PDB file of N, CA and C in Angstrom:
ATOM      1  N   UNK A   1     -89.069-132.572 -23.979  1.00  0.00           N
ATOM      2  CA  UNK A   1     -89.394-131.482 -24.872  1.00  0.00           C
ATOM      3  C   UNK A   1     -89.897-132.013 -26.213  1.00  0.00           C
ATOM      4  N   UNK A   2     -90.708-131.220 -26.847  1.00  0.00           N
ATOM      5  CA  UNK A   2     -91.265-131.611 -28.143  1.00  0.00           C
ATOM      6  C   UNK A   2     -90.176-131.710 -29.215  1.00  0.00           C
ATOM      7  N   UNK A   3     -89.220-130.781 -29.190  1.00  0.00           N
ATOM      8  CA  UNK A   3     -88.170-130.810 -30.211  1.00  0.00           C
ATOM      9  C   UNK A   3     -87.271-132.045 -30.045  1.00  0.00           C
ATOM     10  N   UNK A   4     -87.011-132.456 -28.831  1.00  0.00           N
ATOM     11  CA  UNK A   4     -86.189-133.652 -28.598  1.00  0.00           C
ATOM     12  C   UNK A   4     -86.920-134.894 -29.094  1.00  0.00           C
ATOM     13  N   UNK A   5     -88.219-134.966 -28.831  1.00  0.00           N
ATOM     14  CA  UNK A   5     -89.016-136.101 -29.303  1.00  0.00           C
ATOM     15  C   UNK A   5     -89.026-136.155 -30.827  1.00  0.00           C
ATOM     16  N   UNK A   6     -89.229-134.998 -31.449  1.00  0.00           N
ATOM     17  CA  UNK A   6     -89.247-134.936 -32.910  1.00  0.00           C
ATOM     18  C   UNK A   6     -87.890-135.357 -33.475  1.00  0.00           C
ATOM     19  N   UNK A   7     -86.819-134.882 -32.849  1.00  0.00           N
ATOM     20  CA  UNK A   7     -85.475-135.249 -33.285  1.00  0.00           C
ATOM     21  C   UNK A   7     -85.291-136.766 -33.213  1.00  0.00           C
ATOM     22  N   UNK A   8     -85.680-137.371 -32.116  1.00  0.00           N
ATOM     23  CA  UNK A   8     -85.547-138.822 -31.943  1.00  0.00           C
ATOM     24  C   UNK A   8     -86.386-139.581 -32.970  1.00  0.00           C
ATOM     25  N   UNK A   9     -87.593-139.104 -33.251  1.00  0.00           N
ATOM     26  CA  UNK A   9     -88.460-139.750 -34.239  1.00  0.00           C
ATOM     27  C   UNK A   9     -87.844-139.661 -35.638  1.00  0.00           C
ATOM     28  N   UNK A  10     -87.363-138.479 -35.982  1.00  0.00           N
ATOM     29  CA  UNK A  10     -86.761-138.296 -37.306  1.00  0.00           C
ATOM     30  C   UNK A  10     -85.488-139.118 -37.447  1.00  0.00           C
ATOM     31  N   UNK A  11     -84.673-139.143 -36.401  1.00  0.00           N
ATOM     32  CA  UNK A  11     -83.436-139.927 -36.433  1.00  0.00           C
ATOM     33  C   UNK A  11     -83.746-141.410 -36.571  1.00  0.00           C
ATOM     34  N   UNK A  12     -84.706-141.905 -35.821  1.00  0.00           N
ATOM     35  CA  UNK A  12     -85.087-143.317 -35.902  1.00  0.00           C
ATOM     36  C   UNK A  12     -85.606-143.660 -37.293  1.00  0.00           C
ATOM     37  N   UNK A  13     -86.367-142.761 -37.888  1.00  0.00           N
ATOM     38  CA  UNK A  13     -86.904-142.981 -39.231  1.00  0.00           C
ATOM     39  C   UNK A  13     -85.784-143.035 -40.266  1.00  0.00           C
ATOM     40  N   UNK A  14     -84.834-142.128 -40.162  1.00  0.00           N
ATOM     41  CA  UNK A  14     -83.694-142.106 -41.093  1.00  0.00           C
ATOM     42  C   UNK A  14     -82.874-143.387 -40.944  1.00  0.00           C
ATOM     43  N   UNK A  15     -82.581-143.785 -39.716  1.00  0.00           N
ATOM     44  CA  UNK A  15     -81.784-144.987 -39.476  1.00  0.00           C
ATOM     45  C   UNK A  15     -82.504-146.239 -39.977  1.00  0.00           C
ATOM     46  N   UNK A  16     -83.805-146.309 -39.793  1.00  0.00           N
ATOM     47  CA  UNK A  16     -84.573-147.460 -40.282  1.00  0.00           C
ATOM     48  C   UNK A  16     -84.524-147.520 -41.809  1.00  0.00           C
ATOM     49  N   UNK A  17     -84.615-146.371 -42.453  1.00  0.00           N
ATOM     50  CA  UNK A  17     -84.534-146.317 -43.914  1.00  0.00           C
ATOM     51  C   UNK A  17     -83.169-146.744 -44.418  1.00  0.00           C
ATOM     52  N   UNK A  18     -82.115-146.311 -43.751  1.00  0.00           N
ATOM     53  CA  UNK A  18     -80.759-146.712 -44.142  1.00  0.00           C
ATOM     54  C   UNK A  18     -80.568-148.210 -43.964  1.00  0.00           C
ATOM     55  N   UNK A  19     -81.066-148.760 -42.861  1.00  0.00           N
ATOM     56  CA  UNK A  19     -80.937-150.196 -42.623  1.00  0.00           C
ATOM     57  C   UNK A  19     -81.697-150.992 -43.684  1.00  0.00           C
ATOM     58  N   UNK A  20     -82.898-150.533 -44.016  1.00  0.00           N
ATOM     59  CA  UNK A  20     -83.709-151.208 -45.036  1.00  0.00           C
ATOM     60  C   UNK A  20     -82.978-151.218 -46.382  1.00  0.00           C
ATOM     61  N   UNK A  21     -82.395-150.072 -46.762  1.00  0.00           N
ATOM     62  CA  UNK A  21     -81.673-149.994 -48.033  1.00  0.00           C
ATOM     63  C   UNK A  21     -80.389-150.817 -48.006  1.00  0.00           C
ATOM     64  N   UNK A  22     -79.716-150.866 -46.865  1.00  0.00           N
ATOM     65  CA  UNK A  22     -78.496-151.669 -46.749  1.00  0.00           C
ATOM     66  C   UNK A  22     -78.816-153.151 -46.936  1.00  0.00           C
ATOM     67  N   UNK A  23     -79.873-153.626 -46.279  1.00  0.00           N
ATOM     68  CA  UNK A  23     -80.263-155.030 -46.420  1.00  0.00           C
ATOM     69  C   UNK A  23     -80.693-155.344 -47.849  1.00  0.00           C
ATOM     70  N   UNK A  24     -81.386-154.418 -48.462  1.00  0.00           N
ATOM     71  CA  UNK A  24     -81.801-154.602 -49.851  1.00  0.00           C
ATOM     72  C   UNK A  24     -80.577-154.658 -50.765  1.00  0.00           C
ATOM     73  N   UNK A  25     -79.597-153.798 -50.513  1.00  0.00           N
ATOM     74  CA  UNK A  25     -78.384-153.777 -51.334  1.00  0.00           C
ATOM     75  C   UNK A  25     -77.635-155.089 -51.279  1.00  0.00           C
ATOM     76  N   UNK A  26     -77.405-155.613 -50.090  1.00  0.00           N
ATOM     77  CA  UNK A  26     -76.676-156.883 -49.992  1.00  0.00           C
ATOM     78  C   UNK A  26     -77.508-158.031 -50.552  1.00  0.00           C
ATOM     79  N   UNK A  27     -78.814-157.995 -50.371  1.00  0.00           N
ATOM     80  CA  UNK A  27     -79.678-159.045 -50.939  1.00  0.00           C
ATOM     81  C   UNK A  27     -79.616-159.033 -52.465  1.00  0.00           C
ATOM     82  N   UNK A  28     -79.616-157.843 -53.047  1.00  0.00           N
ATOM     83  CA  UNK A  28     -79.548-157.747 -54.513  1.00  0.00           C
ATOM     84  C   UNK A  28     -78.192-158.195 -55.040  1.00  0.00           C
ATOM     85  N   UNK A  29     -77.127-157.836 -54.328  1.00  0.00           N
ATOM     86  CA  UNK A  29     -75.796-158.287 -54.746  1.00  0.00           C
ATOM     87  C   UNK A  29     -75.726-159.811 -54.737  1.00  0.00           C
ATOM     88  N   UNK A  30     -76.322-160.424 -53.734  1.00  0.00           N
ATOM     89  CA  UNK A  30     -76.289-161.884 -53.626  1.00  0.00           C
ATOM     90  C   UNK A  30     -77.095-162.586 -54.711  1.00  0.00           C
ATOM     91  N   UNK A  31     -77.932-161.870 -55.420  1.00  0.00           N
ATOM     92  CA  UNK A  31     -78.692-162.458 -56.525  1.00  0.00           C
ATOM     93  C   UNK A  31     -77.903-162.472 -57.833  1.00  0.00           C
ATOM     94  N   UNK A  32     -76.770-161.782 -57.860  1.00  0.00           N
ATOM     95  CA  UNK A  32     -75.950-161.719 -59.068  1.00  0.00           C
ATOM     96  C   UNK A  32     -75.007-162.921 -59.089  1.00  0.00           C
ATOM     97  N   UNK A  33     -75.022-163.652 -60.176  1.00  0.00           N
ATOM     98  CA  UNK A  33     -74.168-164.828 -60.324  1.00  0.00           C
ATOM     99  C   UNK A  33     -72.699-164.442 -60.150  1.00  0.00           C
ATOM    100  N   UNK A  34     -71.999-165.171 -59.290  1.00  0.00           N
ATOM    101  CA  UNK A  34     -70.572-164.938 -59.081  1.00  0.00           C
ATOM    102  C   UNK A  34     -70.246-163.906 -58.027  1.00  0.00           C
ATOM    103  N   UNK A  35     -71.268-163.354 -57.367  1.00  0.00           N
ATOM    104  CA  UNK A  35     -71.045-162.350 -56.324  1.00  0.00           C
ATOM    105  C   UNK A  35     -71.704-162.835 -55.042  1.00  0.00           C
ATOM    106  N   UNK A  36     -70.983-162.688 -53.939  1.00  0.00           N
ATOM    107  CA  UNK A  36     -71.573-162.982 -52.631  1.00  0.00           C
ATOM    108  C   UNK A  36     -71.197-161.855 -51.680  1.00  0.00           C
ATOM    109  N   UNK A  37     -72.128-161.514 -50.812  1.00  0.00           N
ATOM    110  CA  UNK A  37     -71.928-160.365 -49.942  1.00  0.00           C
ATOM    111  C   UNK A  37     -72.564-160.618 -48.583  1.00  0.00           C
ATOM    112  N   UNK A  38     -71.834-160.321 -47.539  1.00  0.00           N
ATOM    113  CA  UNK A  38     -72.395-160.374 -46.193  1.00  0.00           C
ATOM    114  C   UNK A  38     -73.375-159.201 -46.052  1.00  0.00           C
ATOM    115  N   UNK A  39     -74.330-159.298 -45.142  1.00  0.00           N
ATOM    116  CA  UNK A  39     -75.242-158.157 -44.948  1.00  0.00           C
ATOM    117  C   UNK A  39     -74.466-156.878 -44.630  1.00  0.00           C
ATOM    118  N   UNK A  40     -74.881-155.802 -45.242  1.00  0.00           N
ATOM    119  CA  UNK A  40     -74.241-154.509 -45.020  1.00  0.00           C
ATOM    120  C   UNK A  40     -74.637-154.017 -43.636  1.00  0.00           C
ATOM    121  N   UNK A  41     -73.651-153.616 -42.847  1.00  0.00           N
ATOM    122  CA  UNK A  41     -73.897-153.088 -41.507  1.00  0.00           C
ATOM    123  C   UNK A  41     -73.142-151.779 -41.350  1.00  0.00           C
ATOM    124  N   UNK A  42     -73.612-150.952 -40.464  1.00  0.00           N
ATOM    125  CA  UNK A  42     -72.909-149.702 -40.194  1.00  0.00           C
ATOM    126  C   UNK A  42     -73.021-148.757 -41.365  1.00  0.00           C
ATOM    127  N   UNK A  43     -71.879-148.376 -41.918  1.00  0.00           N
ATOM    128  CA  UNK A  43     -71.868-147.468 -43.062  1.00  0.00           C
ATOM    129  C   UNK A  43     -72.446-148.181 -44.278  1.00  0.00           C
ATOM    130  N   UNK A  44     -72.797-147.438 -45.286  1.00  0.00           N
ATOM    131  CA  UNK A  44     -73.409-148.013 -46.482  1.00  0.00           C
ATOM    132  C   UNK A  44     -72.343-148.488 -47.469  1.00  0.00           C
ATOM    133  N   UNK A  45     -71.454-149.330 -46.989  1.00  0.00           N
ATOM    134  CA  UNK A  45     -70.430-149.907 -47.846  1.00  0.00           C
ATOM    135  C   UNK A  45     -70.656-151.408 -47.936  1.00  0.00           C
ATOM    136  N   UNK A  46     -70.556-151.933 -49.145  1.00  0.00           N
ATOM    137  CA  UNK A  46     -70.644-153.374 -49.352  1.00  0.00           C
ATOM    138  C   UNK A  46     -69.243-153.876 -49.670  1.00  0.00           C
ATOM    139  N   UNK A  47     -68.936-155.074 -49.237  1.00  0.00           N
ATOM    140  CA  UNK A  47     -67.643-155.686 -49.500  1.00  0.00           C
ATOM    141  C   UNK A  47     -67.866-157.062 -50.130  1.00  0.00           C
ATOM    142  N   UNK A  48     -68.438-157.094 -51.337  1.00  0.00           N
ATOM    143  CA  UNK A  48     -68.735-158.389 -51.948  1.00  0.00           C
ATOM    144  C   UNK A  48     -67.489-159.129 -52.435  1.00  0.00           C
ATOM    145  N   UNK A  49     -67.579-160.441 -52.351  1.00  0.00           N
ATOM    146  CA  UNK A  49     -66.570-161.313 -52.951  1.00  0.00           C
ATOM    147  C   UNK A  49     -67.014-161.588 -54.374  1.00  0.00           C
ATOM    148  N   UNK A  50     -66.054-161.658 -55.277  1.00  0.00           N
ATOM    149  CA  UNK A  50     -66.391-161.976 -56.656  1.00  0.00           C
ATOM    150  C   UNK A  50     -65.674-163.266 -57.041  1.00  0.00           C
ATOM    151  N   UNK A  51     -66.403-164.130 -57.697  1.00  0.00           N
ATOM    152  CA  UNK A  51     -65.876-165.410 -58.144  1.00  0.00           C
ATOM    153  C   UNK A  51     -65.434-165.244 -59.590  1.00  0.00           C
ATOM    154  N   UNK A  52     -64.123-165.249 -59.803  1.00  0.00           N
ATOM    155  CA  UNK A  52     -63.586-165.036 -61.143  1.00  0.00           C
ATOM    156  C   UNK A  52     -63.035-166.345 -61.690  1.00  0.00           C
ATOM    157  N   UNK A  53     -63.294-166.624 -62.968  1.00  0.00           N
ATOM    158  CA  UNK A  53     -62.757-167.845 -63.571  1.00  0.00           C
ATOM    159  C   UNK A  53     -61.232-167.878 -63.481  1.00  0.00           C
ATOM    160  N   UNK A  54     -60.680-169.051 -63.267  1.00  0.00           N
ATOM    161  CA  UNK A  54     -59.226-169.180 -63.120  1.00  0.00           C
ATOM    162  C   UNK A  54     -58.490-168.744 -64.390  1.00  0.00           C
ATOM    163  N   UNK A  55     -59.089-168.973 -65.561  1.00  0.00           N
ATOM    164  CA  UNK A  55     -58.456-168.526 -66.810  1.00  0.00           C
ATOM    165  C   UNK A  55     -58.351-167.005 -66.863  1.00  0.00           C
ATOM    166  N   UNK A  56     -59.415-166.330 -66.420  1.00  0.00           N
ATOM    167  CA  UNK A  56     -59.409-164.869 -66.383  1.00  0.00           C
ATOM    168  C   UNK A  56     -58.330-164.377 -65.417  1.00  0.00           C
ATOM    169  N   UNK A  57     -58.272-164.982 -64.237  1.00  0.00           N
ATOM    170  CA  UNK A  57     -57.278-164.580 -63.236  1.00  0.00           C
ATOM    171  C   UNK A  57     -55.866-164.797 -63.777  1.00  0.00           C
ATOM    172  N   UNK A  58     -55.620-165.935 -64.420  1.00  0.00           N
ATOM    173  CA  UNK A  58     -54.296-166.214 -64.974  1.00  0.00           C
ATOM    174  C   UNK A  58     -53.936-165.224 -66.080  1.00  0.00           C
ATOM    175  N   UNK A  59     -54.919-164.909 -66.930  1.00  0.00           N
ATOM    176  CA  UNK A  59     -54.694-163.930 -68.005  1.00  0.00           C
ATOM    177  C   UNK A  59     -54.309-162.571 -67.418  1.00  0.00           C
ATOM    178  N   UNK A  60     -55.041-162.138 -66.419  1.00  0.00           N
ATOM    179  CA  UNK A  60     -54.743-160.842 -65.791  1.00  0.00           C
ATOM    180  C   UNK A  60     -53.350-160.845 -65.180  1.00  0.00           C
ATOM    181  N   UNK A  61     -53.036-161.898 -64.444  1.00  0.00           N
ATOM    182  CA  UNK A  61     -51.729-161.996 -63.793  1.00  0.00           C
ATOM    183  C   UNK A  61     -50.602-161.978 -64.829  1.00  0.00           C
ATOM    184  N   UNK A  62     -50.812-162.657 -65.969  1.00  0.00           N
ATOM    185  CA  UNK A  62     -49.769-162.680 -67.005  1.00  0.00           C
ATOM    186  C   UNK A  62     -49.561-161.298 -67.623  1.00  0.00           C
ATOM    187  N   UNK A  63     -50.575-160.435 -67.499  1.00  0.00           N
ATOM    188  CA  UNK A  63     -50.462-159.059 -67.998  1.00  0.00           C
ATOM    189  C   UNK A  63     -50.090-158.075 -66.895  1.00  0.00           C
ATOM    190  N   UNK A  64     -49.756-158.610 -65.705  1.00  0.00           N
ATOM    191  CA  UNK A  64     -49.322-157.755 -64.606  1.00  0.00           C
ATOM    192  C   UNK A  64     -50.443-156.989 -63.927  1.00  0.00           C
ATOM    193  N   UNK A  65     -51.652-157.498 -64.015  1.00  0.00           N
ATOM    194  CA  UNK A  65     -52.797-156.812 -63.423  1.00  0.00           C
ATOM    195  C   UNK A  65     -53.520-157.759 -62.473  1.00  0.00           C
ATOM    196  N   UNK A  66     -53.957-157.224 -61.356  1.00  0.00           N
ATOM    197  CA  UNK A  66     -54.750-158.022 -60.423  1.00  0.00           C
ATOM    198  C   UNK A  66     -56.122-158.274 -61.053  1.00  0.00           C
ATOM    199  N   UNK A  67     -56.645-159.483 -60.930  1.00  0.00           N
ATOM    200  CA  UNK A  67     -57.934-159.802 -61.541  1.00  0.00           C
ATOM    201  C   UNK A  67     -59.091-158.931 -61.056  1.00  0.00           C
ATOM    202  N   UNK A  68     -59.120-158.604 -59.762  1.00  0.00           N
ATOM    203  CA  UNK A  68     -60.229-157.772 -59.289  1.00  0.00           C
ATOM    204  C   UNK A  68     -60.108-156.336 -59.792  1.00  0.00           C
ATOM    205  N   UNK A  69     -58.888-155.890 -60.062  1.00  0.00           N
ATOM    206  CA  UNK A  69     -58.679-154.568 -60.660  1.00  0.00           C
ATOM    207  C   UNK A  69     -59.242-154.550 -62.081  1.00  0.00           C
ATOM    208  N   UNK A  70     -58.925-155.578 -62.859  1.00  0.00           N
ATOM    209  CA  UNK A  70     -59.451-155.674 -64.232  1.00  0.00           C
ATOM    210  C   UNK A  70     -60.971-155.745 -64.219  1.00  0.00           C
ATOM    211  N   UNK A  71     -61.527-156.496 -63.267  1.00  0.00           N
ATOM    212  CA  UNK A  71     -62.979-156.625 -63.153  1.00  0.00           C
ATOM    213  C   UNK A  71     -63.612-155.260 -62.856  1.00  0.00           C
ATOM    214  N   UNK A  72     -63.006-154.506 -61.930  1.00  0.00           N
ATOM    215  CA  UNK A  72     -63.538-153.179 -61.574  1.00  0.00           C
ATOM    216  C   UNK A  72     -63.477-152.214 -62.756  1.00  0.00           C
ATOM    217  N   UNK A  73     -62.401-152.268 -63.521  1.00  0.00           N
ATOM    218  CA  UNK A  73     -62.277-151.392 -64.692  1.00  0.00           C
ATOM    219  C   UNK A  73     -63.355-151.732 -65.715  1.00  0.00           C
ATOM    220  N   UNK A  74     -63.568-153.020 -65.954  1.00  0.00           N
ATOM    221  CA  UNK A  74     -64.608-153.445 -66.891  1.00  0.00           C
ATOM    222  C   UNK A  74     -65.993-153.040 -66.393  1.00  0.00           C
ATOM    223  N   UNK A  75     -66.235-153.205 -65.105  1.00  0.00           N
ATOM    224  CA  UNK A  75     -67.515-152.798 -64.509  1.00  0.00           C
ATOM    225  C   UNK A  75     -67.768-151.314 -64.757  1.00  0.00           C
ATOM    226  N   UNK A  76     -66.750-150.489 -64.525  1.00  0.00           N
ATOM    227  CA  UNK A  76     -66.912-149.046 -64.719  1.00  0.00           C
ATOM    228  C   UNK A  76     -67.129-148.700 -66.193  1.00  0.00           C
ATOM    229  N   UNK A  77     -66.356-149.320 -67.066  1.00  0.00           N
ATOM    230  CA  UNK A  77     -66.473-149.015 -68.495  1.00  0.00           C
ATOM    231  C   UNK A  77     -67.830-149.433 -69.056  1.00  0.00           C
ATOM    232  N   UNK A  78     -68.365-150.553 -68.583  1.00  0.00           N
ATOM    233  CA  UNK A  78     -69.617-151.070 -69.136  1.00  0.00           C
ATOM    234  C   UNK A  78     -70.872-150.520 -68.454  1.00  0.00           C
ATOM    235  N   UNK A  79     -70.755-150.124 -67.172  1.00  0.00           N
ATOM    236  CA  UNK A  79     -71.963-149.716 -66.433  1.00  0.00           C
ATOM    237  C   UNK A  79     -71.882-148.333 -65.803  1.00  0.00           C
ATOM    238  N   UNK A  80     -70.679-147.812 -65.654  1.00  0.00           N
ATOM    239  CA  UNK A  80     -70.522-146.539 -64.952  1.00  0.00           C
ATOM    240  C   UNK A  80     -70.452-146.708 -63.447  1.00  0.00           C
ATOM    241  N   UNK A  81     -70.538-147.950 -62.960  1.00  0.00           N
ATOM    242  CA  UNK A  81     -70.455-148.215 -61.518  1.00  0.00           C
ATOM    243  C   UNK A  81     -68.990-148.309 -61.133  1.00  0.00           C
ATOM    244  N   UNK A  82     -68.612-147.576 -60.097  1.00  0.00           N
ATOM    245  CA  UNK A  82     -67.229-147.573 -59.646  1.00  0.00           C
ATOM    246  C   UNK A  82     -67.080-148.503 -58.447  1.00  0.00           C
ATOM    247  N   UNK A  83     -66.151-149.421 -58.555  1.00  0.00           N
ATOM    248  CA  UNK A  83     -65.799-150.309 -57.453  1.00  0.00           C
ATOM    249  C   UNK A  83     -64.308-150.202 -57.206  1.00  0.00           C
ATOM    250  N   UNK A  84     -63.916-150.438 -55.978  1.00  0.00           N
ATOM    251  CA  UNK A  84     -62.496-150.398 -55.629  1.00  0.00           C
ATOM    252  C   UNK A  84     -62.025-151.832 -55.428  1.00  0.00           C
ATOM    253  N   UNK A  85     -60.988-152.261 -56.148  1.00  0.00           N
ATOM    254  CA  UNK A  85     -60.530-153.638 -55.997  1.00  0.00           C
ATOM    255  C   UNK A  85     -59.980-153.899 -54.602  1.00  0.00           C
ATOM    256  N   UNK A  86     -60.379-155.029 -54.043  1.00  0.00           N
ATOM    257  CA  UNK A  86     -59.937-155.394 -52.707  1.00  0.00           C
ATOM    258  C   UNK A  86     -58.463-155.743 -52.631  1.00  0.00           C
ATOM    259  N   UNK A  87     -57.848-156.066 -53.773  1.00  0.00           N
ATOM    260  CA  UNK A  87     -56.429-156.448 -53.769  1.00  0.00           C
ATOM    261  C   UNK A  87     -55.544-155.323 -53.235  1.00  0.00           C
ATOM    262  N   UNK A  88     -55.993-154.098 -53.336  1.00  0.00           N
ATOM    263  CA  UNK A  88     -55.222-152.975 -52.822  1.00  0.00           C
ATOM    264  C   UNK A  88     -55.246-152.867 -51.308  1.00  0.00           C
ATOM    265  N   UNK A  89     -56.076-153.675 -50.657  1.00  0.00           N
ATOM    266  CA  UNK A  89     -56.218-153.616 -49.207  1.00  0.00           C
ATOM    267  C   UNK A  89     -55.642-154.858 -48.530  1.00  0.00           C
ATOM    268  N   UNK A  90     -55.080-155.750 -49.322  1.00  0.00           N
ATOM    269  CA  UNK A  90     -54.555-156.989 -48.765  1.00  0.00           C
ATOM    270  C   UNK A  90     -55.704-157.950 -48.513  1.00  0.00           C
ATOM    271  N   UNK A  91     -55.715-159.019 -49.226  1.00  0.00           N
ATOM    272  CA  UNK A  91     -56.781-160.006 -49.069  1.00  0.00           C
ATOM    273  C   UNK A  91     -56.163-161.389 -49.160  1.00  0.00           C
ATOM    274  N   UNK A  92     -56.916-162.374 -48.771  1.00  0.00           N
ATOM    275  CA  UNK A  92     -56.436-163.748 -48.809  1.00  0.00           C
ATOM    276  C   UNK A  92     -56.083-164.115 -50.247  1.00  0.00           C
ATOM    277  N   UNK A  93     -54.932-164.691 -50.445  1.00  0.00           N
ATOM    278  CA  UNK A  93     -54.461-165.054 -51.778  1.00  0.00           C
ATOM    279  C   UNK A  93     -55.491-165.944 -52.482  1.00  0.00           C
ATOM    280  N   UNK A  94     -55.752-165.630 -53.748  1.00  0.00           N
ATOM    281  CA  UNK A  94     -56.694-166.418 -54.530  1.00  0.00           C
ATOM    282  C   UNK A  94     -58.147-166.017 -54.348  1.00  0.00           C
ATOM    283  N   UNK A  95     -58.400-164.974 -53.576  1.00  0.00           N
ATOM    284  CA  UNK A  95     -59.762-164.456 -53.414  1.00  0.00           C
ATOM    285  C   UNK A  95     -59.812-163.050 -54.002  1.00  0.00           C
ATOM    286  N   UNK A  96     -61.004-162.663 -54.424  1.00  0.00           N
ATOM    287  CA  UNK A  96     -61.154-161.350 -55.066  1.00  0.00           C
ATOM    288  C   UNK A  96     -62.357-160.654 -54.458  1.00  0.00           C
ATOM    289  N   UNK A  97     -62.197-159.375 -54.203  1.00  0.00           N
ATOM    290  CA  UNK A  97     -63.244-158.586 -53.562  1.00  0.00           C
ATOM    291  C   UNK A  97     -63.352-157.217 -54.210  1.00  0.00           C
ATOM    292  N   UNK A  98     -64.472-156.601 -53.986  1.00  0.00           N
ATOM    293  CA  UNK A  98     -64.719-155.251 -54.473  1.00  0.00           C
ATOM    294  C   UNK A  98     -65.274-154.440 -53.312  1.00  0.00           C
ATOM    295  N   UNK A  99     -64.894-153.204 -53.241  1.00  0.00           N
ATOM    296  CA  UNK A  99     -65.442-152.304 -52.220  1.00  0.00           C
ATOM    297  C   UNK A  99     -66.151-151.168 -52.887  1.00  0.00           C
TER     298      UNK A  99
END
């Protein structure tokens, strides 16, 4: 049927656009110093690792705050971008992530 063909064409076009934007998103994240990200797959969520200086991490810990939490708060205050600290999801000790 014509409507089924049109549906398949539109769906394929939408999925191709989402994939293109996902790859662009992870590529752009990887260009930022101190951030590394695997290619985004599936949903449009990125899970970048952030490289935080040990002094910053120690300072945060001494104030009872996870370093990635402090980083996310600063990111939001300075840019309006909201990130969720990976420490709330359980991560390998000494690593920091943002969702």
